[in-house]
Amino acid sequence: MDRGKASPILAPRHDTASRVGKPESAAEKLASLKARVEAAVGSSKAKASINLTPASVSASARGGLNVDLHPALQDIGQFQFKPSSKTVAPKFATSIGNARPQPEKPVSKNRRQLDLSGPSAEDTRNNPYFDTSLGGQTATLKSRHSRQLVFNQKGKYIQQANALRRQAALEAMKKRIAESSRKIGIDEDLDTEKNYLVEAPPDIEWWDEGLVDGKNYNTIDNPKTLKIDTPDSIITEYVQHPVLLEPPQEKNIPAPKPMFLTSKEQAKLRRQRRMAELKEQQAKIRLGLEPAPPPKVKKGNLMRVLGEEAVKDPTAVEARVNREIEARHQAHVEMNEERKLTKEQRHEKLALNQEKDAAKGIRLMVFKIDNLANGSHRFKIAKNAEQMALTGICIMHPRLNLVIVEGGEHSIRQYRKLMLQRIDWTENSPTRIKEGTKAEALQDWLKAENEKGELKDMTLNKCVLLFEGEEKSRAFRKWGSKVCETDSAARDALQRAKMENFWALAKSMK
């Protein structure tokens, strides 16, 4: 049979693409066979119906050239439907020989696991030694009730938000009205000082009621209507001498000062006094009442007092003299320290002097300050008033500030120097906030900075003394400060002390 005329179907293929190379190992050969079988099975499944079972598919699967499959490849069709978890061991001698020996896994024995569940609830309740107060929630069987859902009504939070917005808008409107009224100068009580009505004079004064027969002065020209010479007249021939009272101002008169001596006269008195004391001491020494004092040796009279001793050992004598000088100096210092007052004694003495000063008479002063934006000025005003035992009040207002102080003459005089001389009202310093307070709590007109954060210009700021005089007694119990946004609040603060007229005086002065 001529191979050149052979059937094309049985003739060998000479194309390199379809030629299958010889596998190098049994594993590669097995993989190539599985690939060819899967391709054949896929083509046969396309031709078969959908209802074919896996058993029929595996039975009808055949290899190329209508040859039955190798027994090792019979389960390939089943792999598509039911994957096996077991690994297929190679069935060829070469594959078995080339396979690596796998280490045998130790057979795990069935170990008994530890029971961590604990006793049941029934056993716990039956235990006579169990304390129900220490058992917790697991000791007693309590049915857990699910909490029901509570839904908010529609529009609840919208109403709350609208209420907050209305309140914020109302506060903002009040603030704008207050600011505009301060700028324009139309406070609700700006001109209340001018609204006081002057009462009409009475028809007859009270001191003339006993002298005029009537309820008015219409019949004053008629001598018959006058009660002057009549028996029931209050004018008699007797003279009433009033009781003599001690003038109240005499208790405030300072005591007469002693006559001052010249320097020569003071030195003469000192010599005479010291000479008398020395003679008295010498007399006591002669009588043996006091021991003779040791000689007062100094470096100047060293050779005269200790002549022979100084010649024998001058170094020892000089050292002894130095020790005596140091001892005398130390005794002098200790004596001065003993006479010095302690801190508590100084405070008591100062308080006593301030009480004596206030007992002589209470004086009152009123100051008007244009601006108190500088915090150091407010601190000095309050601190000095407390240290000088002064009482009064500091009214802080957006347009003007009023300071009223009262106390003794000496304290008032020192406070006047503070307000009119010592404090520089034109200087300004940054705002300092105390610990625990917020910067928002301070009003804008009391801050040292303006809206841009710069220090306010206080070159025109000044302090003026409105009133100075005496009063019968203190009108304030202590010193205090108050911030007043309106004129009515300022007058209410001064009304308790009956000094609201000073606010009208301060506003009237330009």
Protein backbone atom coordinates (compact mmCIF):
# COMPACT_ATOMS: atom_id res chain seq x y z
CA MET A 1 0.00 0.00 0.00
CA ASP A 2 1.37 3.29 -1.07
CA ARG A 3 1.61 5.72 1.77
CA GLY A 4 1.37 8.60 -0.60
CA LYS A 5 -2.10 7.44 -1.75
CA ALA A 6 -3.33 6.57 1.65
CA SER A 7 -6.54 8.03 3.14
CA PRO A 8 -6.13 11.57 4.40
CA ILE A 9 -7.93 10.65 7.60
CA LEU A 10 -5.50 7.98 8.61
CA ALA A 11 -2.51 9.76 7.26
CA PRO A 12 -0.18 11.24 9.83
CA ARG A 13 -0.34 15.01 10.42
CA HIS A 14 2.80 16.94 9.58
CA ASP A 15 1.77 20.34 11.07
CA THR A 16 3.77 21.38 14.12
CA ALA A 17 0.77 23.06 15.81
CA SER A 18 -1.25 19.88 16.22
CA ARG A 19 1.70 17.66 17.01
CA VAL A 20 1.79 16.59 20.68
CA GLY A 21 5.24 16.47 22.13
CA LYS A 22 6.39 13.59 24.21
CA PRO A 23 5.87 14.38 27.86
CA GLU A 24 8.92 14.47 29.98
CA SER A 25 7.29 12.89 33.02
CA ALA A 26 4.25 10.89 33.97
CA ALA A 27 2.62 13.87 35.71
CA GLU A 28 2.76 15.99 32.54
CA LYS A 29 1.41 13.12 30.46
CA LEU A 30 -1.50 12.68 32.86
CA ALA A 31 -2.25 16.42 32.71
CA SER A 32 -2.32 16.42 28.89
CA LEU A 33 -4.67 13.41 28.81
CA LYS A 34 -7.03 15.12 31.23
CA ALA A 35 -7.09 18.21 29.04
CA ARG A 36 -8.02 16.18 25.94
CA VAL A 37 -10.74 14.33 27.82
CA GLU A 38 -12.25 17.56 29.13
CA ALA A 39 -12.37 18.93 25.57
CA ALA A 40 -14.15 15.81 24.34
CA VAL A 41 -16.59 15.84 27.21
CA GLY A 42 -17.42 19.51 26.56
CA SER A 43 -18.25 18.81 22.90
CA SER A 44 -20.41 15.81 23.78
CA LYS A 45 -22.32 17.82 26.44
CA ALA A 46 -23.22 20.45 23.85
CA LYS A 47 -24.80 17.78 21.66
CA ALA A 48 -26.59 15.97 24.49
CA SER A 49 -29.78 17.15 26.17
CA ILE A 50 -29.90 19.20 29.36
CA ASN A 51 -31.50 16.42 31.45
CA LEU A 52 -28.55 13.97 31.12
CA THR A 53 -27.41 12.57 34.42
CA PRO A 54 -23.76 12.52 35.43
CA ALA A 55 -23.74 8.73 35.17
CA SER A 56 -24.93 8.77 31.52
CA VAL A 57 -22.42 11.48 30.64
CA SER A 58 -19.54 9.53 32.03
CA ALA A 59 -20.73 6.36 30.29
CA SER A 60 -21.02 7.99 26.82
CA ALA A 61 -17.73 9.90 27.08
CA ARG A 62 -15.18 8.49 24.67
CA GLY A 63 -11.77 9.52 23.54
CA GLY A 64 -10.41 10.35 20.15
CA LEU A 65 -10.86 7.90 17.18
CA ASN A 66 -13.88 6.49 19.04
CA VAL A 67 -11.68 4.75 21.62
CA ASP A 68 -12.85 4.09 25.17
CA LEU A 69 -11.29 6.13 27.99
CA HIS A 70 -8.54 4.81 30.17
CA PRO A 71 -9.82 3.38 33.48
CA ALA A 72 -7.85 6.05 35.38
CA LEU A 73 -9.81 8.77 33.57
CA GLN A 74 -13.31 7.47 34.07
CA ASP A 75 -14.13 9.90 36.91
CA ILE A 76 -13.29 13.04 34.93
CA GLY A 77 -16.90 13.53 33.87
CA GLN A 78 -18.11 13.28 37.45
CA PHE A 79 -15.68 16.00 38.55
CA GLN A 80 -17.79 18.58 36.71
CA PHE A 81 -20.86 17.78 38.78
CA LYS A 82 -19.55 16.61 42.14
CA PRO A 83 -16.03 17.64 43.05
CA SER A 84 -14.23 15.10 45.20
CA SER A 85 -12.26 16.23 48.22
CA LYS A 86 -9.96 13.20 48.04
CA THR A 87 -6.70 13.42 46.07
CA VAL A 88 -6.32 10.80 43.34
CA ALA A 89 -3.15 8.81 43.76
CA PRO A 90 -1.14 8.01 40.58
CA LYS A 91 -1.68 4.46 39.26
CA PHE A 92 1.40 4.21 37.05
CA ALA A 93 4.58 2.54 38.22
CA THR A 94 6.75 5.44 37.08
CA SER A 95 4.61 7.99 38.89
CA ILE A 96 4.60 5.94 42.06
CA GLY A 97 8.34 5.56 41.91
CA ASN A 98 9.00 9.26 41.31
CA ALA A 99 6.58 10.44 44.01
CA ARG A 100 8.10 11.83 47.21
CA PRO A 101 7.48 9.89 50.34
CA GLN A 102 4.99 11.87 52.44
CA PRO A 103 5.45 11.85 56.21
CA GLU A 104 2.84 9.95 58.03
CA LYS A 105 0.55 12.18 60.07
CA PRO A 106 0.16 11.11 63.66
CA VAL A 107 -3.25 9.76 64.32
CA SER A 108 -5.05 12.22 66.58
CA LYS A 109 -6.70 10.51 69.44
CA ASN A 110 -10.12 11.67 70.50
CA ARG A 111 -9.36 13.86 73.49
CA ARG A 112 -12.05 14.91 75.88
CA GLN A 113 -12.58 18.66 75.77
CA LEU A 114 -12.81 20.78 78.92
CA ASP A 115 -16.37 21.65 79.92
CA LEU A 116 -16.57 25.39 80.67
CA SER A 117 -20.33 25.73 80.73
CA GLY A 118 -20.73 25.67 84.53
CA PRO A 119 -23.76 24.63 86.54
CA SER A 120 -27.21 25.13 85.13
CA ALA A 121 -29.72 27.63 86.53
CA GLU A 122 -31.80 24.83 88.05
CA ASP A 123 -28.79 23.45 89.95
CA THR A 124 -27.94 26.94 91.16
CA ARG A 125 -31.42 27.55 92.55
CA ASN A 126 -31.46 24.16 94.30
CA ASN A 127 -28.10 24.81 95.98
CA PRO A 128 -28.86 25.58 99.68
CA TYR A 129 -25.57 27.51 100.10
CA PHE A 130 -26.15 29.90 97.21
CA ASP A 131 -26.71 33.59 98.02
CA THR A 132 -29.22 35.11 95.62
CA SER A 133 -27.86 38.64 96.29
CA LEU A 134 -24.45 37.63 94.86
CA GLY A 135 -25.65 35.50 91.98
CA GLY A 136 -26.04 38.19 89.38
CA GLN A 137 -28.39 37.98 86.45
CA THR A 138 -27.49 34.36 85.53
CA ALA A 139 -28.65 32.95 88.87
CA THR A 140 -32.34 33.60 88.29
CA LEU A 141 -34.12 33.07 85.06
CA LYS A 142 -35.62 36.38 84.04
CA SER A 143 -37.39 36.79 80.81
CA ARG A 144 -35.87 39.57 78.74
CA HIS A 145 -38.48 41.93 77.42
CA SER A 146 -37.53 43.87 74.37
CA ARG A 147 -37.89 47.60 74.77
CA GLN A 148 -40.55 49.11 72.61
CA LEU A 149 -39.66 51.74 70.08
CA VAL A 150 -40.74 55.27 70.97
CA PHE A 151 -40.99 57.50 67.95
CA ASN A 152 -40.77 61.28 68.15
CA GLN A 153 -43.77 63.18 66.92
CA LYS A 154 -43.51 64.86 63.59
CA GLY A 155 -42.19 68.41 63.86
CA LYS A 156 -40.92 68.13 67.45
CA TYR A 157 -37.33 69.22 66.77
CA ILE A 158 -38.46 71.73 64.17
CA GLN A 159 -40.54 73.51 66.83
CA GLN A 160 -37.60 73.50 69.26
CA ALA A 161 -35.30 74.94 66.59
CA ASN A 162 -37.84 77.65 65.73
CA ALA A 163 -38.18 78.57 69.42
CA LEU A 164 -34.39 78.88 69.75
CA ARG A 165 -34.23 81.01 66.61
CA ARG A 166 -36.98 83.32 67.89
CA GLN A 167 -35.21 83.71 71.24
CA ALA A 168 -31.87 84.48 69.54
CA ALA A 169 -33.54 87.00 67.24
CA LEU A 170 -35.23 88.67 70.24
CA GLU A 171 -31.93 88.96 72.14
CA ALA A 172 -30.20 90.38 69.07
CA MET A 173 -33.01 92.92 68.59
CA LYS A 174 -32.77 94.00 72.25
CA LYS A 175 -29.02 94.44 71.89
CA ARG A 176 -29.40 96.49 68.71
CA ILE A 177 -32.02 98.72 70.35
CA ALA A 178 -29.79 99.27 73.41
CA GLU A 179 -26.76 100.09 71.24
CA SER A 180 -28.72 102.47 69.02
CA SER A 181 -30.28 104.19 72.03
CA ARG A 182 -26.86 104.72 73.59
CA LYS A 183 -25.45 106.10 70.35
CA ILE A 184 -28.38 108.40 69.62
CA GLY A 185 -28.89 109.33 73.30
CA ILE A 186 -32.57 108.43 73.66
CA ASP A 187 -32.62 106.16 76.68
CA GLU A 188 -36.03 105.52 78.12
CA ASP A 189 -35.09 107.66 81.08
CA LEU A 190 -32.63 110.12 79.57
CA ASP A 191 -34.65 113.22 80.34
CA THR A 192 -36.36 112.07 83.49
CA GLU A 193 -34.44 114.67 85.50
CA LYS A 194 -36.39 117.37 83.63
CA ASN A 195 -39.73 115.74 84.31
CA TYR A 196 -39.85 116.60 88.02
CA LEU A 197 -42.92 118.73 88.71
CA VAL A 198 -42.48 121.76 90.92
CA GLU A 199 -45.26 121.88 93.50
CA ALA A 200 -47.28 125.07 93.81
CA PRO A 201 -46.75 127.07 97.03
CA PRO A 202 -49.40 126.52 99.73
CA ASP A 203 -52.12 129.03 100.44
CA ILE A 204 -50.57 129.75 103.82
CA GLU A 205 -47.25 128.63 105.26
CA TRP A 206 -47.17 126.49 108.36
CA TRP A 207 -45.34 129.09 110.42
CA ASP A 208 -48.08 131.66 109.69
CA GLU A 209 -51.07 129.48 110.52
CA GLY A 210 -51.00 130.55 114.18
CA LEU A 211 -50.77 134.26 113.35
CA VAL A 212 -53.41 134.62 110.61
CA ASP A 213 -57.11 134.01 111.18
CA GLY A 214 -57.91 132.20 107.93
CA LYS A 215 -56.69 129.70 105.42
CA ASN A 216 -54.91 132.16 103.12
CA TYR A 217 -53.26 135.58 103.04
CA ASN A 218 -56.23 137.46 101.59
CA THR A 219 -57.10 139.16 104.94
CA ILE A 220 -53.55 139.96 105.99
CA ASP A 221 -54.11 143.71 105.57
CA ASN A 222 -56.90 143.69 108.13
CA PRO A 223 -55.45 144.05 111.69
CA LYS A 224 -58.52 142.40 113.19
CA THR A 225 -57.75 139.10 111.46
CA LEU A 226 -54.22 138.93 112.82
CA LYS A 227 -53.49 137.02 116.03
CA ILE A 228 -50.71 139.16 117.44
CA ASP A 229 -52.21 141.16 120.31
CA THR A 230 -55.03 138.75 121.06
CA PRO A 231 -55.03 136.58 124.21
CA ASP A 232 -54.78 133.37 122.20
CA SER A 233 -51.72 134.58 120.29
CA ILE A 234 -48.56 132.53 120.32
CA ILE A 235 -46.52 135.70 120.84
CA THR A 236 -46.11 136.48 124.53
CA GLU A 237 -43.98 138.72 126.70
CA TYR A 238 -41.90 135.82 127.92
CA VAL A 239 -38.53 135.02 126.41
CA GLN A 240 -37.67 131.36 125.76
CA HIS A 241 -34.03 130.54 126.21
CA PRO A 242 -33.04 127.40 124.24
CA VAL A 243 -30.98 124.69 125.84
CA LEU A 244 -27.27 125.16 125.23
CA LEU A 245 -25.78 122.37 123.12
CA GLU A 246 -22.15 121.66 122.53
CA PRO A 247 -21.15 122.58 118.99
CA PRO A 248 -20.63 119.37 117.01
CA GLN A 249 -17.71 120.79 115.05
CA GLU A 250 -15.57 121.31 118.15
CA LYS A 251 -14.93 117.58 118.50
CA ASN A 252 -13.25 117.64 115.09
CA ILE A 253 -10.82 120.40 116.04
CA PRO A 254 -7.28 118.94 116.12
CA ALA A 255 -5.34 119.05 119.36
CA PRO A 256 -2.94 121.96 119.80
CA LYS A 257 0.57 121.12 118.70
CA PRO A 258 3.46 121.62 121.12
CA MET A 259 5.93 124.44 120.59
CA PHE A 260 8.86 123.41 118.40
CA LEU A 261 12.42 123.90 119.77
CA THR A 262 15.50 124.89 117.85
CA SER A 263 18.44 122.54 117.40
CA LYS A 264 20.47 124.20 120.15
CA GLU A 265 17.57 124.02 122.58
CA GLN A 266 17.01 120.33 121.82
CA ALA A 267 20.72 119.58 122.36
CA LYS A 268 20.69 121.45 125.65
CA LEU A 269 17.70 119.49 126.92
CA ARG A 270 19.35 116.23 125.90
CA ARG A 271 22.57 117.10 127.85
CA GLN A 272 20.63 117.97 130.95
CA ARG A 273 18.53 114.81 130.79
CA ARG A 274 21.54 112.53 130.29
CA MET A 275 23.49 114.26 133.09
CA ALA A 276 20.62 113.71 135.51
CA GLU A 277 20.41 110.01 134.57
CA LEU A 278 24.20 109.58 135.01
CA LYS A 279 24.18 111.17 138.47
CA GLU A 280 21.34 108.93 139.54
CA GLN A 281 23.22 105.83 138.34
CA GLN A 282 26.42 106.86 140.13
CA ALA A 283 24.50 107.33 143.37
CA LYS A 284 23.08 103.81 143.09
CA ILE A 285 26.59 102.40 142.50
CA ARG A 286 27.97 104.17 145.59
CA LEU A 287 25.18 102.73 147.68
CA GLY A 288 25.83 99.25 146.26
CA LEU A 289 22.47 98.93 144.68
CA GLU A 290 23.93 98.29 141.21
CA PRO A 291 27.27 96.79 140.14
CA ALA A 292 29.76 99.04 138.45
CA PRO A 293 29.56 98.71 134.68
CA PRO A 294 32.65 97.33 132.87
CA PRO A 295 34.87 99.90 131.16
CA LYS A 296 33.75 100.72 127.62
CA VAL A 297 36.93 100.00 125.74
CA LYS A 298 37.29 101.15 122.13
CA LYS A 299 40.22 101.20 119.77
CA GLY A 300 40.68 104.87 120.43
CA ASN A 301 41.11 104.56 124.22
CA LEU A 302 42.77 101.13 124.14
CA MET A 303 46.19 102.25 125.37
CA ARG A 304 44.76 104.60 127.99
CA VAL A 305 42.40 102.06 129.62
CA LEU A 306 44.51 98.90 129.23
CA GLY A 307 48.02 100.28 129.25
CA GLU A 308 50.12 97.44 130.70
CA GLU A 309 48.01 94.63 129.24
CA ALA A 310 48.10 96.22 125.81
CA VAL A 311 51.90 96.42 125.94
CA LYS A 312 52.34 92.82 127.06
CA ASP A 313 50.02 91.15 124.51
CA PRO A 314 48.61 93.68 122.06
CA THR A 315 47.12 91.01 119.74
CA ALA A 316 45.00 89.38 122.46
CA VAL A 317 43.88 92.76 123.80
CA GLU A 318 42.83 93.95 120.32
CA ALA A 319 40.86 90.73 119.73
CA ARG A 320 39.07 91.17 123.09
CA VAL A 321 38.21 94.77 122.27
CA ASN A 322 36.80 93.73 118.87
CA ARG A 323 34.62 91.10 120.55
CA GLU A 324 33.27 93.67 123.01
CA ILE A 325 32.50 96.12 120.19
CA GLU A 326 30.67 93.39 118.28
CA ALA A 327 28.69 92.36 121.38
CA ARG A 328 27.59 95.95 122.01
CA HIS A 329 26.50 96.31 118.37
CA GLN A 330 24.58 93.02 118.51
CA ALA A 331 22.80 94.09 121.71
CA HIS A 332 21.82 97.37 120.03
CA VAL A 333 20.36 95.52 116.99
CA GLU A 334 18.42 93.07 119.17
CA MET A 335 16.97 95.90 121.23
CA ASN A 336 15.72 97.60 118.06
CA GLU A 337 14.19 94.35 116.79
CA GLU A 338 12.35 93.86 120.07
CA ARG A 339 10.83 97.32 119.82
CA LYS A 340 9.76 96.74 116.20
CA LEU A 341 6.08 95.86 115.67
CA THR A 342 5.01 92.61 114.04
CA LYS A 343 2.90 92.42 110.89
CA GLU A 344 -0.32 91.85 112.83
CA GLN A 345 0.49 94.70 115.21
CA ARG A 346 1.11 97.05 112.29
CA HIS A 347 -2.28 96.15 110.78
CA GLU A 348 -3.98 96.69 114.12
CA LYS A 349 -2.28 100.05 114.58
CA LEU A 350 -3.29 101.15 111.06
CA ALA A 351 -6.91 100.07 111.61
CA LEU A 352 -7.01 101.89 114.95
CA ASN A 353 -5.65 105.08 113.42
CA GLN A 354 -8.20 104.87 110.59
CA GLU A 355 -11.02 104.49 113.12
CA LYS A 356 -9.77 107.50 115.06
CA ASP A 357 -9.55 109.46 111.82
CA ALA A 358 -13.14 108.52 110.87
CA ALA A 359 -14.38 109.38 114.37
CA LYS A 360 -13.35 113.01 113.87
CA GLY A 361 -15.76 113.36 110.93
CA ILE A 362 -16.85 111.69 107.70
CA ARG A 363 -15.94 113.43 104.48
CA LEU A 364 -17.44 112.72 101.06
CA MET A 365 -15.99 113.08 97.56
CA VAL A 366 -17.55 112.42 94.14
CA PHE A 367 -15.46 111.93 90.98
CA LYS A 368 -16.56 111.76 87.36
CA ILE A 369 -14.42 109.69 84.93
CA ASP A 370 -15.06 109.63 81.20
CA ASN A 371 -13.79 106.11 80.45
CA LEU A 372 -12.76 103.13 82.60
CA ALA A 373 -11.79 100.73 79.79
CA ASN A 374 -8.32 100.27 81.30
CA GLY A 375 -8.51 97.43 83.81
CA SER A 376 -5.58 98.74 85.87
CA HIS A 377 -7.53 101.93 86.59
CA ARG A 378 -10.49 99.95 87.93
CA PHE A 379 -8.12 97.86 90.09
CA LYS A 380 -6.40 100.90 91.60
CA ILE A 381 -9.69 102.60 92.40
CA ALA A 382 -11.04 99.57 94.27
CA LYS A 383 -7.79 98.43 95.95
CA ASN A 384 -6.86 101.82 97.39
CA ALA A 385 -10.39 102.34 98.70
CA GLU A 386 -10.21 99.00 100.56
CA GLN A 387 -6.73 99.70 101.96
CA MET A 388 -7.72 103.17 103.20
CA ALA A 389 -10.92 101.86 104.88
CA LEU A 390 -13.14 103.93 102.58
CA THR A 391 -16.73 103.06 101.71
CA GLY A 392 -18.63 103.96 98.58
CA ILE A 393 -19.48 102.75 95.10
CA CYS A 394 -18.11 102.88 91.55
CA ILE A 395 -20.84 103.16 88.87
CA MET A 396 -19.63 102.03 85.42
CA HIS A 397 -21.78 103.30 82.53
CA PRO A 398 -21.16 103.35 78.75
CA ARG A 399 -21.12 107.17 78.66
CA LEU A 400 -19.66 108.15 82.03
CA ASN A 401 -18.39 106.66 85.30
CA LEU A 402 -19.11 107.89 88.81
CA VAL A 403 -16.96 107.21 91.91
CA ILE A 404 -18.35 108.10 95.36
CA VAL A 405 -16.07 107.63 98.40
CA GLU A 406 -16.49 108.50 102.06
CA GLY A 407 -14.18 108.17 105.07
CA GLY A 408 -11.83 110.00 107.41
CA GLU A 409 -10.04 113.20 106.54
CA HIS A 410 -6.58 111.66 106.18
CA SER A 411 -7.79 108.77 104.01
CA ILE A 412 -9.89 111.08 101.84
CA ARG A 413 -6.93 113.39 101.31
CA GLN A 414 -4.72 110.51 100.19
CA TYR A 415 -7.46 109.19 97.89
CA ARG A 416 -7.85 112.62 96.31
CA LYS A 417 -4.15 112.65 95.44
CA LEU A 418 -4.55 109.19 93.89
CA MET A 419 -7.47 110.20 91.66
CA LEU A 420 -6.25 113.65 90.58
CA GLN A 421 -2.45 113.28 90.54
CA ARG A 422 -1.06 109.75 90.72
CA ILE A 423 -3.18 107.92 88.11
CA ASP A 424 -2.52 108.71 84.46
CA TRP A 425 -6.00 108.46 82.92
CA THR A 426 -4.72 108.78 79.34
CA GLU A 427 -2.77 105.51 79.32
CA ASN A 428 -4.26 102.19 78.22
CA SER A 429 -3.13 98.58 78.62
CA PRO A 430 -4.41 95.25 77.17
CA THR A 431 -7.30 93.54 78.90
CA ARG A 432 -6.30 90.90 81.46
CA ILE A 433 -8.89 88.24 82.29
CA LYS A 434 -8.82 86.55 85.69
CA GLU A 435 -8.64 82.75 85.96
CA GLY A 436 -12.05 81.03 85.97
CA THR A 437 -13.75 83.92 84.11
CA LYS A 438 -14.62 84.23 80.44
CA ALA A 439 -13.66 87.12 78.19
CA GLU A 440 -17.22 87.21 76.79
CA ALA A 441 -18.58 88.12 80.23
CA LEU A 442 -16.93 91.58 79.98
CA GLN A 443 -18.92 94.23 78.10
CA ASP A 444 -17.46 95.63 74.90
CA TRP A 445 -17.28 99.17 76.26
CA LEU A 446 -15.28 97.94 79.29
CA LYS A 447 -12.62 96.24 77.13
CA ALA A 448 -9.36 97.99 76.33
CA GLU A 449 -9.51 96.84 72.68
CA ASN A 450 -11.92 97.99 70.02
CA GLU A 451 -13.66 95.83 67.40
CA LYS A 452 -10.48 95.61 65.31
CA GLY A 453 -8.43 94.36 68.28
CA GLU A 454 -6.47 97.61 68.68
CA LEU A 455 -6.13 99.57 71.94
CA LYS A 456 -8.65 102.35 72.36
CA ASP A 457 -7.45 105.96 72.19
CA MET A 458 -7.78 107.49 75.67
CA THR A 459 -5.88 110.75 75.14
CA LEU A 460 -9.01 112.77 76.04
CA ASN A 461 -9.90 110.74 79.11
CA LYS A 462 -9.90 112.66 82.41
CA CYS A 463 -11.12 112.61 86.02
CA VAL A 464 -13.01 115.56 87.52
CA LEU A 465 -13.90 116.23 91.16
CA LEU A 466 -17.64 117.00 91.27
CA PHE A 467 -18.25 117.44 94.98
CA GLU A 468 -16.38 117.47 98.27
CA GLY A 469 -17.88 118.01 101.69
CA GLU A 470 -18.85 116.58 105.07
CA GLU A 471 -21.71 114.28 105.99
CA LYS A 472 -23.25 113.22 109.26
CA SER A 473 -22.66 109.46 108.92
CA ARG A 474 -21.66 106.88 106.35
CA ALA A 475 -24.22 106.20 103.61
CA PHE A 476 -22.52 102.99 102.40
CA ARG A 477 -21.60 99.96 104.47
CA LYS A 478 -18.69 98.82 102.26
CA TRP A 479 -16.95 99.48 98.98
CA GLY A 480 -18.52 98.04 95.82
CA SER A 481 -18.62 98.33 92.05
CA LYS A 482 -21.59 97.96 89.72
CA VAL A 483 -22.01 97.85 85.94
CA CYS A 484 -25.10 99.75 84.77
CA GLU A 485 -26.25 99.70 81.15
CA THR A 486 -28.94 102.37 81.56
CA ASP A 487 -29.51 105.52 83.58
CA SER A 488 -32.36 103.97 85.55
CA ALA A 489 -30.09 101.17 86.76
CA ALA A 490 -27.50 103.71 87.89
CA ARG A 491 -30.08 105.74 89.80
CA ASP A 492 -31.48 102.61 91.41
CA ALA A 493 -27.99 101.73 92.68
CA LEU A 494 -27.62 105.23 94.20
CA GLN A 495 -31.18 105.47 95.49
CA ARG A 496 -30.48 103.24 98.51
CA ALA A 497 -27.90 105.77 99.73
CA LYS A 498 -30.14 108.72 98.66
CA MET A 499 -27.44 110.06 96.34
CA GLU A 500 -29.17 109.84 92.96
CA ASN A 501 -28.79 113.62 92.63
CA PHE A 502 -25.05 113.12 91.99
CA TRP A 503 -25.89 111.17 88.82
CA ALA A 504 -27.97 114.08 87.52
CA LEU A 505 -25.12 116.44 88.43
CA ALA A 506 -22.57 114.30 86.58
CA LYS A 507 -24.76 114.18 83.44
CA SER A 508 -25.38 117.94 83.49
CA MET A 509 -21.66 118.76 83.58
CA LYS A 510 -19.87 118.79 80.23
